[in-house]
């Protein structure tokens, strides 16, 4: 009990530090690379994102997925980058090489497609070197540059709104 409280406090402090040191680089360059972060236990439709971004003219090899999962029996395919709660130490730092590689890539767009918010998902969103971040949860507005508040099952509305805003911002 006491250990969990210390872990929560130190993790949130680390998240705040990461968010405060983020430098925002807004540019009008077109999107060429996309990173997609999601909670595999609640959403596992890779094809939705593949179709969405190939329809927008991106090659399939320009998309990079990473999934967080909690249930061992629900582990993603071995070709997917994934991580679990066990990949974090008590200070909230991630020890996974897959996560380190994902957050180091300077994506033009990061799509954080997850609800409910969990520390393990928020810290990967915050640490990402993506130039423009889009999320669907408005629980912590510091994480994303654009928030499209929709339910996970409402993929068609997300697609319409994302395309609309990316066109408005001259990203596609």
Protein backbone atom coordinates (compact mmCIF):
# COMPACT_ATOMS: atom_id res chain seq x y z
CA UNK A 1 0.00 0.00 0.00
CA UNK A 2 2.67 2.49 1.06
CA UNK A 3 4.96 1.39 -1.78
CA UNK A 4 2.18 1.89 -4.34
CA UNK A 5 1.54 5.43 -3.07
CA UNK A 6 5.25 6.33 -3.38
CA UNK A 7 5.32 4.83 -6.87
CA UNK A 8 2.26 6.88 -7.91
CA UNK A 9 3.69 10.13 -6.54
CA UNK A 10 7.11 9.64 -8.14
CA UNK A 11 5.55 8.58 -11.45
CA UNK A 12 3.31 11.65 -11.61
CA UNK A 13 6.27 13.87 -10.72
CA UNK A 14 8.27 12.32 -13.57
CA UNK A 15 5.35 12.83 -15.98
CA UNK A 16 5.07 16.50 -15.00
CA UNK A 17 8.81 16.95 -15.51
CA UNK A 18 8.64 15.39 -18.97
CA UNK A 19 5.66 17.56 -19.96
CA UNK A 20 7.30 20.75 -18.69
CA UNK A 21 10.46 20.12 -20.72
CA UNK A 22 8.61 19.45 -23.99
CA UNK A 23 9.41 21.90 -26.72
CA UNK A 24 6.64 22.31 -29.27
CA UNK A 25 7.72 22.50 -32.89
CA UNK A 26 4.79 23.59 -34.99
CA UNK A 27 5.35 23.53 -38.70
CA UNK A 28 3.21 23.44 -41.80
CA UNK A 29 5.07 20.45 -43.26
CA UNK A 30 3.00 17.59 -44.58
CA UNK A 31 2.74 14.40 -42.53
CA UNK A 32 5.11 11.69 -43.72
CA UNK A 33 5.48 9.46 -40.63
CA UNK A 34 2.88 8.45 -38.05
CA UNK A 35 3.22 6.78 -34.67
CA UNK A 36 0.15 5.13 -33.16
CA UNK A 37 -0.16 4.33 -29.45
CA UNK A 38 -3.11 2.39 -28.07
CA UNK A 39 -4.31 0.16 -25.23
CA UNK A 40 -4.54 -3.32 -26.77
CA UNK A 41 -7.01 -4.61 -24.17
CA UNK A 42 -9.60 -2.05 -25.32
CA UNK A 43 -8.78 -1.56 -29.02
CA UNK A 44 -6.90 -3.83 -31.41
CA UNK A 45 -8.01 -2.76 -34.89
CA UNK A 46 -4.71 -2.07 -36.67
CA UNK A 47 -6.49 -2.12 -40.02
CA UNK A 48 -8.52 0.96 -39.12
CA UNK A 49 -5.35 3.04 -38.91
CA UNK A 50 -3.68 1.38 -41.88
CA UNK A 51 -6.71 2.15 -44.05
CA UNK A 52 -7.07 5.68 -42.68
CA UNK A 53 -3.51 6.71 -43.43
CA UNK A 54 -3.11 4.84 -46.71
CA UNK A 55 -6.27 6.64 -47.89
CA UNK A 56 -4.46 9.88 -47.01
CA UNK A 57 -1.50 8.88 -49.18
CA UNK A 58 0.97 7.50 -46.64
CA UNK A 59 2.81 4.27 -47.30
CA UNK A 60 2.19 1.40 -44.93
CA UNK A 61 5.87 1.38 -43.95
CA UNK A 62 5.53 4.95 -42.61
CA UNK A 63 3.20 3.79 -39.82
CA UNK A 64 4.58 2.56 -36.52
CA UNK A 65 2.40 0.94 -33.86
CA UNK A 66 3.01 0.34 -30.18
CA UNK A 67 0.50 -1.29 -27.86
CA UNK A 68 0.17 -1.37 -24.10
CA UNK A 69 -1.51 -4.44 -22.62
CA UNK A 70 -2.29 -5.63 -19.13
CA UNK A 71 -3.63 -9.15 -19.60
CA UNK A 72 -1.01 -11.77 -20.44
CA UNK A 73 -3.54 -13.85 -22.36
CA UNK A 74 -4.26 -10.80 -24.54
CA UNK A 75 -0.67 -10.21 -25.68
CA UNK A 76 -0.36 -8.71 -29.19
CA UNK A 77 1.31 -10.57 -32.04
CA UNK A 78 5.06 -10.89 -31.79
CA UNK A 79 5.61 -8.47 -34.71
CA UNK A 80 3.87 -5.68 -32.81
CA UNK A 81 5.85 -3.45 -30.49
CA UNK A 82 4.27 -3.75 -27.08
CA UNK A 83 4.88 -3.19 -23.40
CA UNK A 84 3.28 -3.85 -20.02
CA UNK A 85 3.19 -2.46 -16.50
CA UNK A 86 6.14 -4.72 -15.64
CA UNK A 87 8.36 -2.65 -17.96
CA UNK A 88 8.26 0.30 -15.51
CA UNK A 89 10.37 0.78 -12.41
CA UNK A 90 9.10 2.29 -9.17
CA UNK A 91 10.11 5.81 -10.29
CA UNK A 92 7.94 5.57 -13.40
CA UNK A 93 10.77 5.14 -15.90
CA UNK A 94 10.25 2.62 -18.67
CA UNK A 95 12.87 -0.10 -19.10
CA UNK A 96 11.56 -1.42 -22.43
CA UNK A 97 13.82 -1.06 -25.47
CA UNK A 98 10.77 -1.04 -27.75
CA UNK A 99 9.33 1.96 -25.92
CA UNK A 100 12.68 3.77 -25.95
CA UNK A 101 12.95 3.24 -29.70
CA UNK A 102 9.36 4.37 -30.29
CA UNK A 103 9.60 7.60 -28.26
CA UNK A 104 12.95 8.52 -29.84
CA UNK A 105 11.52 8.60 -33.36
CA UNK A 106 10.56 12.11 -34.48
CA UNK A 107 7.16 11.28 -35.99
CA UNK A 108 5.33 14.00 -37.86
CA UNK A 109 2.14 12.82 -36.12
CA UNK A 110 1.48 10.78 -32.99
CA UNK A 111 -2.01 9.37 -32.52
CA UNK A 112 -2.71 8.41 -28.90
CA UNK A 113 -5.83 6.32 -29.30
CA UNK A 114 -6.66 5.16 -25.79
CA UNK A 115 -9.21 5.47 -23.04
CA UNK A 116 -9.09 5.20 -20.07
CA UNK A 117 -5.95 7.10 -19.21
CA UNK A 118 -3.20 5.12 -17.52
CA UNK A 119 0.20 6.34 -16.48
CA UNK A 120 1.92 3.82 -18.76
CA UNK A 121 0.16 5.29 -21.80
CA UNK A 122 0.44 8.94 -20.76
CA UNK A 123 4.20 8.77 -20.20
CA UNK A 124 4.83 7.28 -23.65
CA UNK A 125 2.70 10.05 -25.20
CA UNK A 126 4.55 12.67 -23.19
CA UNK A 127 8.03 11.31 -23.95
CA UNK A 128 7.41 10.95 -27.68
CA UNK A 129 9.48 13.23 -29.90
CA UNK A 130 6.54 13.60 -32.31
CA UNK A 131 6.06 17.06 -33.75
CA UNK A 132 2.25 16.99 -33.55
CA UNK A 133 0.26 14.90 -31.07
CA UNK A 134 -3.41 13.95 -31.36
CA UNK A 135 -5.37 12.23 -28.60
CA UNK A 136 -8.92 11.18 -27.84
CA UNK A 137 -8.90 11.74 -24.09
CA UNK A 138 -9.19 15.20 -22.59
CA UNK A 139 -8.34 14.02 -19.08
CA UNK A 140 -4.85 15.59 -19.28
CA UNK A 141 -4.80 18.38 -21.84
CA UNK A 142 -1.03 18.87 -21.52
CA UNK A 143 -0.34 15.66 -23.43
CA UNK A 144 -1.71 16.52 -26.86
CA UNK A 145 -1.77 19.39 -29.32
CA UNK A 146 -5.19 18.35 -30.64
CA UNK A 147 -7.85 16.45 -28.70
CA UNK A 148 -10.73 14.78 -30.50
CA UNK A 149 -12.96 13.63 -27.64
CA UNK A 150 -14.71 10.53 -29.00
CA UNK A 151 -15.42 7.04 -27.72
CA UNK A 152 -13.13 4.21 -28.76
CA UNK A 153 -15.96 2.58 -30.72
CA UNK A 154 -16.73 5.79 -32.63
CA UNK A 155 -14.00 5.34 -35.23
CA UNK A 156 -15.90 6.96 -38.09
CA UNK A 157 -16.30 10.24 -36.21
CA UNK A 158 -12.62 10.16 -35.25
CA UNK A 159 -11.64 9.64 -38.88
CA UNK A 160 -13.83 12.50 -40.14
CA UNK A 161 -12.64 14.91 -37.44
CA UNK A 162 -8.97 13.98 -37.81
CA UNK A 163 -9.03 14.48 -41.57
CA UNK A 164 -10.90 17.77 -41.16
CA UNK A 165 -8.39 19.19 -38.68
CA UNK A 166 -5.33 17.92 -40.54
CA UNK A 167 -6.59 19.59 -43.72
CA UNK A 168 -7.32 22.80 -41.84
CA UNK A 169 -3.78 22.77 -40.40
CA UNK A 170 -2.36 22.00 -43.88
CA UNK A 171 -0.83 18.74 -42.65
CA UNK A 172 -2.23 16.57 -45.46
